[in-house]
Amino acid sequence: MPQLNPGPWFAILVFSWLVFLVIIPTKIMNHTSPNEPAPVNAEKHKTESWNWPW
């Protein structure tokens, strides 16, 4: 039975984890969004209490 021979399956397992832990995170971290968010002004918004009619 080929499942009992760990040689090729272990190499595939190690290579796939290498891809998941090294290559994919670097590609994701290097991604930049085309629409960078604009900085929010530091001024505080004026809040008013609500006048409930009941």
PDB file of N, CA and C in Angstrom:
ATOM      1  N   MET A   1       0.836  -1.177   0.000  1.00  0.00           N
ATOM      2  CA  MET A   1       0.000   0.000   0.000  1.00  0.00           C
ATOM      3  C   MET A   1       0.887   1.249   0.000  1.00  0.00           C
ATOM      4  N   PRO A   2       0.660   2.196  -0.886  1.00  0.00           N
ATOM      5  CA  PRO A   2       1.548   3.354  -0.964  1.00  0.00           C
ATOM      6  C   PRO A   2       1.385   4.322   0.204  1.00  0.00           C
ATOM      7  N   GLN A   3       0.287   4.258   0.928  1.00  0.00           N
ATOM      8  CA  GLN A   3       0.098   5.178   2.044  1.00  0.00           C
ATOM      9  C   GLN A   3       1.056   4.890   3.194  1.00  0.00           C
ATOM     10  N   LEU A   4       1.592   3.665   3.249  1.00  0.00           N
ATOM     11  CA  LEU A   4       2.484   3.305   4.341  1.00  0.00           C
ATOM     12  C   LEU A   4       3.907   3.810   4.108  1.00  0.00           C
ATOM     13  N   ASN A   5       4.243   4.239   2.913  1.00  0.00           N
ATOM     14  CA  ASN A   5       5.565   4.761   2.616  1.00  0.00           C
ATOM     15  C   ASN A   5       5.536   6.276   2.846  1.00  0.00           C
ATOM     16  N   PRO A   6       6.145   6.777   3.942  1.00  0.00           N
ATOM     17  CA  PRO A   6       6.030   8.202   4.249  1.00  0.00           C
ATOM     18  C   PRO A   6       6.958   9.092   3.427  1.00  0.00           C
ATOM     19  N   GLY A   7       7.836   8.517   2.633  1.00  0.00           N
ATOM     20  CA  GLY A   7       8.832   9.296   1.902  1.00  0.00           C
ATOM     21  C   GLY A   7       8.265  10.404   1.035  1.00  0.00           C
ATOM     22  N   PRO A   8       7.515  10.112  -0.006  1.00  0.00           N
ATOM     23  CA  PRO A   8       7.032  11.205  -0.848  1.00  0.00           C
ATOM     24  C   PRO A   8       5.944  12.047  -0.177  1.00  0.00           C
ATOM     25  N   TRP A   9       5.132  11.451   0.682  1.00  0.00           N
ATOM     26  CA  TRP A   9       4.046  12.189   1.317  1.00  0.00           C
ATOM     27  C   TRP A   9       4.579  13.170   2.348  1.00  0.00           C
ATOM     28  N   PHE A  10       5.638  12.792   3.036  1.00  0.00           N
ATOM     29  CA  PHE A  10       6.223  13.710   4.010  1.00  0.00           C
ATOM     30  C   PHE A  10       6.853  14.909   3.309  1.00  0.00           C
ATOM     31  N   ALA A  11       7.502  14.683   2.164  1.00  0.00           N
ATOM     32  CA  ALA A  11       8.090  15.788   1.405  1.00  0.00           C
ATOM     33  C   ALA A  11       6.998  16.727   0.890  1.00  0.00           C
ATOM     34  N   ILE A  12       5.886  16.182   0.439  1.00  0.00           N
ATOM     35  CA  ILE A  12       4.770  17.009  -0.025  1.00  0.00           C
ATOM     36  C   ILE A  12       4.193  17.808   1.135  1.00  0.00           C
ATOM     37  N   LEU A  13       4.063  17.196   2.295  1.00  0.00           N
ATOM     38  CA  LEU A  13       3.552  17.887   3.474  1.00  0.00           C
ATOM     39  C   LEU A  13       4.468  19.042   3.874  1.00  0.00           C
ATOM     40  N   VAL A  14       5.769  18.779   3.916  1.00  0.00           N
ATOM     41  CA  VAL A  14       6.712  19.828   4.309  1.00  0.00           C
ATOM     42  C   VAL A  14       6.724  20.953   3.286  1.00  0.00           C
ATOM     43  N   PHE A  15       6.697  20.632   2.014  1.00  0.00           N
ATOM     44  CA  PHE A  15       6.714  21.668   0.980  1.00  0.00           C
ATOM     45  C   PHE A  15       5.437  22.505   1.007  1.00  0.00           C
ATOM     46  N   SER A  16       4.299  21.865   1.232  1.00  0.00           N
ATOM     47  CA  SER A  16       3.047  22.629   1.275  1.00  0.00           C
ATOM     48  C   SER A  16       3.025  23.557   2.484  1.00  0.00           C
ATOM     49  N   TRP A  17       3.528  23.110   3.653  1.00  0.00           N
ATOM     50  CA  TRP A  17       3.596  23.991   4.815  1.00  0.00           C
ATOM     51  C   TRP A  17       4.599  25.108   4.597  1.00  0.00           C
ATOM     52  N   LEU A  18       5.654  24.830   3.882  1.00  0.00           N
ATOM     53  CA  LEU A  18       6.619  25.874   3.554  1.00  0.00           C
ATOM     54  C   LEU A  18       5.957  26.965   2.707  1.00  0.00           C
ATOM     55  N   VAL A  19       5.144  26.548   1.751  1.00  0.00           N
ATOM     56  CA  VAL A  19       4.427  27.518   0.916  1.00  0.00           C
ATOM     57  C   VAL A  19       3.448  28.320   1.759  1.00  0.00           C
ATOM     58  N   PHE A  20       2.693  27.651   2.630  1.00  0.00           N
ATOM     59  CA  PHE A  20       1.690  28.341   3.437  1.00  0.00           C
ATOM     60  C   PHE A  20       2.312  29.299   4.449  1.00  0.00           C
ATOM     61  N   LEU A  21       3.470  28.965   5.001  1.00  0.00           N
ATOM     62  CA  LEU A  21       4.044  29.772   6.072  1.00  0.00           C
ATOM     63  C   LEU A  21       5.046  30.805   5.603  1.00  0.00           C
ATOM     64  N   VAL A  22       5.605  30.669   4.396  1.00  0.00           N
ATOM     65  CA  VAL A  22       6.641  31.593   3.953  1.00  0.00           C
ATOM     66  C   VAL A  22       6.198  32.406   2.745  1.00  0.00           C
ATOM     67  N   ILE A  23       5.744  31.756   1.721  1.00  0.00           N
ATOM     68  CA  ILE A  23       5.491  32.446   0.451  1.00  0.00           C
ATOM     69  C   ILE A  23       4.174  33.218   0.488  1.00  0.00           C
ATOM     70  N   ILE A  24       3.099  32.608   0.925  1.00  0.00           N
ATOM     71  CA  ILE A  24       1.790  33.253   0.893  1.00  0.00           C
ATOM     72  C   ILE A  24       1.722  34.475   1.823  1.00  0.00           C
ATOM     73  N   PRO A  25       2.206  34.419   3.088  1.00  0.00           N
ATOM     74  CA  PRO A  25       2.141  35.628   3.924  1.00  0.00           C
ATOM     75  C   PRO A  25       2.946  36.791   3.367  1.00  0.00           C
ATOM     76  N   THR A  26       4.092  36.539   2.737  1.00  0.00           N
ATOM     77  CA  THR A  26       4.858  37.653   2.177  1.00  0.00           C
ATOM     78  C   THR A  26       4.118  38.292   1.012  1.00  0.00           C
ATOM     79  N   LYS A  27       3.434  37.500   0.216  1.00  0.00           N
ATOM     80  CA  LYS A  27       2.661  38.073  -0.886  1.00  0.00           C
ATOM     81  C   LYS A  27       1.482  38.877  -0.355  1.00  0.00           C
ATOM     82  N   ILE A  28       0.848  38.410   0.704  1.00  0.00           N
ATOM     83  CA  ILE A  28      -0.290  39.130   1.268  1.00  0.00           C
ATOM     84  C   ILE A  28       0.172  40.425   1.934  1.00  0.00           C
ATOM     85  N   MET A  29       1.290  40.389   2.645  1.00  0.00           N
ATOM     86  CA  MET A  29       1.765  41.584   3.337  1.00  0.00           C
ATOM     87  C   MET A  29       2.286  42.636   2.366  1.00  0.00           C
ATOM     88  N   ASN A  30       2.731  42.242   1.177  1.00  0.00           N
ATOM     89  CA  ASN A  30       3.217  43.199   0.192  1.00  0.00           C
ATOM     90  C   ASN A  30       2.096  43.830  -0.615  1.00  0.00           C
ATOM     91  N   HIS A  31       0.877  43.349  -0.453  1.00  0.00           N
ATOM     92  CA  HIS A  31      -0.251  43.876  -1.210  1.00  0.00           C
ATOM     93  C   HIS A  31      -0.620  45.257  -0.694  1.00  0.00           C
ATOM     94  N   THR A  32      -0.817  46.198  -1.600  1.00  0.00           N
ATOM     95  CA  THR A  32      -1.270  47.529  -1.211  1.00  0.00           C
ATOM     96  C   THR A  32      -2.634  47.781  -1.842  1.00  0.00           C
ATOM     97  N   SER A  33      -3.458  48.460  -1.114  1.00  0.00           N
ATOM     98  CA  SER A  33      -4.790  48.768  -1.596  1.00  0.00           C
ATOM     99  C   SER A  33      -4.723  49.923  -2.588  1.00  0.00           C
ATOM    100  N   PRO A  34      -5.483  49.885  -3.679  1.00  0.00           N
ATOM    101  CA  PRO A  34      -5.439  50.999  -4.631  1.00  0.00           C
ATOM    102  C   PRO A  34      -6.083  52.265  -4.070  1.00  0.00           C
ATOM    103  N   ASN A  35      -6.977  52.133  -3.112  1.00  0.00           N
ATOM    104  CA  ASN A  35      -7.642  53.290  -2.508  1.00  0.00           C
ATOM    105  C   ASN A  35      -7.244  53.371  -1.043  1.00  0.00           C
ATOM    106  N   GLU A  36      -6.184  54.115  -0.786  1.00  0.00           N
ATOM    107  CA  GLU A  36      -5.747  54.276   0.596  1.00  0.00           C
ATOM    108  C   GLU A  36      -6.749  55.171   1.329  1.00  0.00           C
ATOM    109  N   PRO A  37      -7.062  54.851   2.584  1.00  0.00           N
ATOM    110  CA  PRO A  37      -8.028  55.665   3.314  1.00  0.00           C
ATOM    111  C   PRO A  37      -7.453  57.044   3.620  1.00  0.00           C
ATOM    112  N   ALA A  38      -8.316  58.043   3.541  1.00  0.00           N
ATOM    113  CA  ALA A  38      -7.899  59.413   3.835  1.00  0.00           C
ATOM    114  C   ALA A  38      -7.790  59.582   5.348  1.00  0.00           C
ATOM    115  N   PRO A  39      -6.826  60.351   5.817  1.00  0.00           N
ATOM    116  CA  PRO A  39      -6.714  60.561   7.276  1.00  0.00           C
ATOM    117  C   PRO A  39      -7.898  61.361   7.802  1.00  0.00           C
ATOM    118  N   VAL A  40      -8.353  60.972   8.969  1.00  0.00           N
ATOM    119  CA  VAL A  40      -9.500  61.619   9.590  1.00  0.00           C
ATOM    120  C   VAL A  40      -9.008  62.851  10.338  1.00  0.00           C
ATOM    121  N   ASN A  41      -9.777  63.926  10.254  1.00  0.00           N
ATOM    122  CA  ASN A  41      -9.417  65.146  10.977  1.00  0.00           C
ATOM    123  C   ASN A  41      -9.462  64.896  12.484  1.00  0.00           C
ATOM    124  N   ALA A  42      -8.601  65.594  13.217  1.00  0.00           N
ATOM    125  CA  ALA A  42      -8.516  65.403  14.655  1.00  0.00           C
ATOM    126  C   ALA A  42      -9.592  66.172  15.408  1.00  0.00           C
ATOM    127  N   GLU A  43     -10.363  67.004  14.722  1.00  0.00           N
ATOM    128  CA  GLU A  43     -11.374  67.795  15.414  1.00  0.00           C
ATOM    129  C   GLU A  43     -12.515  66.901  15.902  1.00  0.00           C
ATOM    130  N   LYS A  44     -13.040  67.265  17.055  1.00  0.00           N
ATOM    131  CA  LYS A  44     -14.128  66.473  17.629  1.00  0.00           C
ATOM    132  C   LYS A  44     -15.451  66.927  17.037  1.00  0.00           C
ATOM    133  N   HIS A  45     -16.322  65.981  16.801  1.00  0.00           N
ATOM    134  CA  HIS A  45     -17.635  66.306  16.278  1.00  0.00           C
ATOM    135  C   HIS A  45     -18.515  66.841  17.405  1.00  0.00           C
ATOM    136  N   LYS A  46     -19.350  67.812  17.075  1.00  0.00           N
ATOM    137  CA  LYS A  46     -20.238  68.381  18.077  1.00  0.00           C
ATOM    138  C   LYS A  46     -21.417  67.431  18.273  1.00  0.00           C
ATOM    139  N   THR A  47     -21.567  66.985  19.486  1.00  0.00           N
ATOM    140  CA  THR A  47     -22.675  66.080  19.797  1.00  0.00           C
ATOM    141  C   THR A  47     -23.709  66.822  20.611  1.00  0.00           C
ATOM    142  N   GLU A  48     -24.956  66.556  20.333  1.00  0.00           N
ATOM    143  CA  GLU A  48     -26.060  67.174  21.051  1.00  0.00           C
ATOM    144  C   GLU A  48     -26.952  66.077  21.604  1.00  0.00           C
ATOM    145  N   SER A  49     -27.507  66.338  22.775  1.00  0.00           N
ATOM    146  CA  SER A  49     -28.413  65.346  23.340  1.00  0.00           C
ATOM    147  C   SER A  49     -29.739  65.367  22.597  1.00  0.00           C
ATOM    148  N   TRP A  50     -30.399  64.243  22.561  1.00  0.00           N
ATOM    149  CA  TRP A  50     -31.659  64.142  21.860  1.00  0.00           C
ATOM    150  C   TRP A  50     -32.787  64.644  22.741  1.00  0.00           C
ATOM    151  N   ASN A  51     -33.711  65.339  22.140  1.00  0.00           N
ATOM    152  CA  ASN A  51     -34.886  65.802  22.845  1.00  0.00           C
ATOM    153  C   ASN A  51     -36.039  64.849  22.525  1.00  0.00           C
ATOM    154  N   TRP A  52     -36.267  63.912  23.406  1.00  0.00           N
ATOM    155  CA  TRP A  52     -37.292  62.905  23.159  1.00  0.00           C
ATOM    156  C   TRP A  52     -38.665  63.526  23.412  1.00  0.00           C
ATOM    157  N   PRO A  53     -39.636  63.386  22.481  1.00  0.00           N
ATOM    158  CA  PRO A  53     -40.954  63.996  22.670  1.00  0.00           C
ATOM    159  C   PRO A  53     -41.816  63.249  23.674  1.00  0.00           C
ATOM    160  N   TRP A  54     -41.463  62.122  24.127  1.00  0.00           N
ATOM    161  CA  TRP A  54     -42.314  61.385  25.066  1.00  0.00           C
ATOM    162  C   TRP A  54     -41.657  61.438  26.400  1.00  0.00           C
TER     163      TRP A  54
END
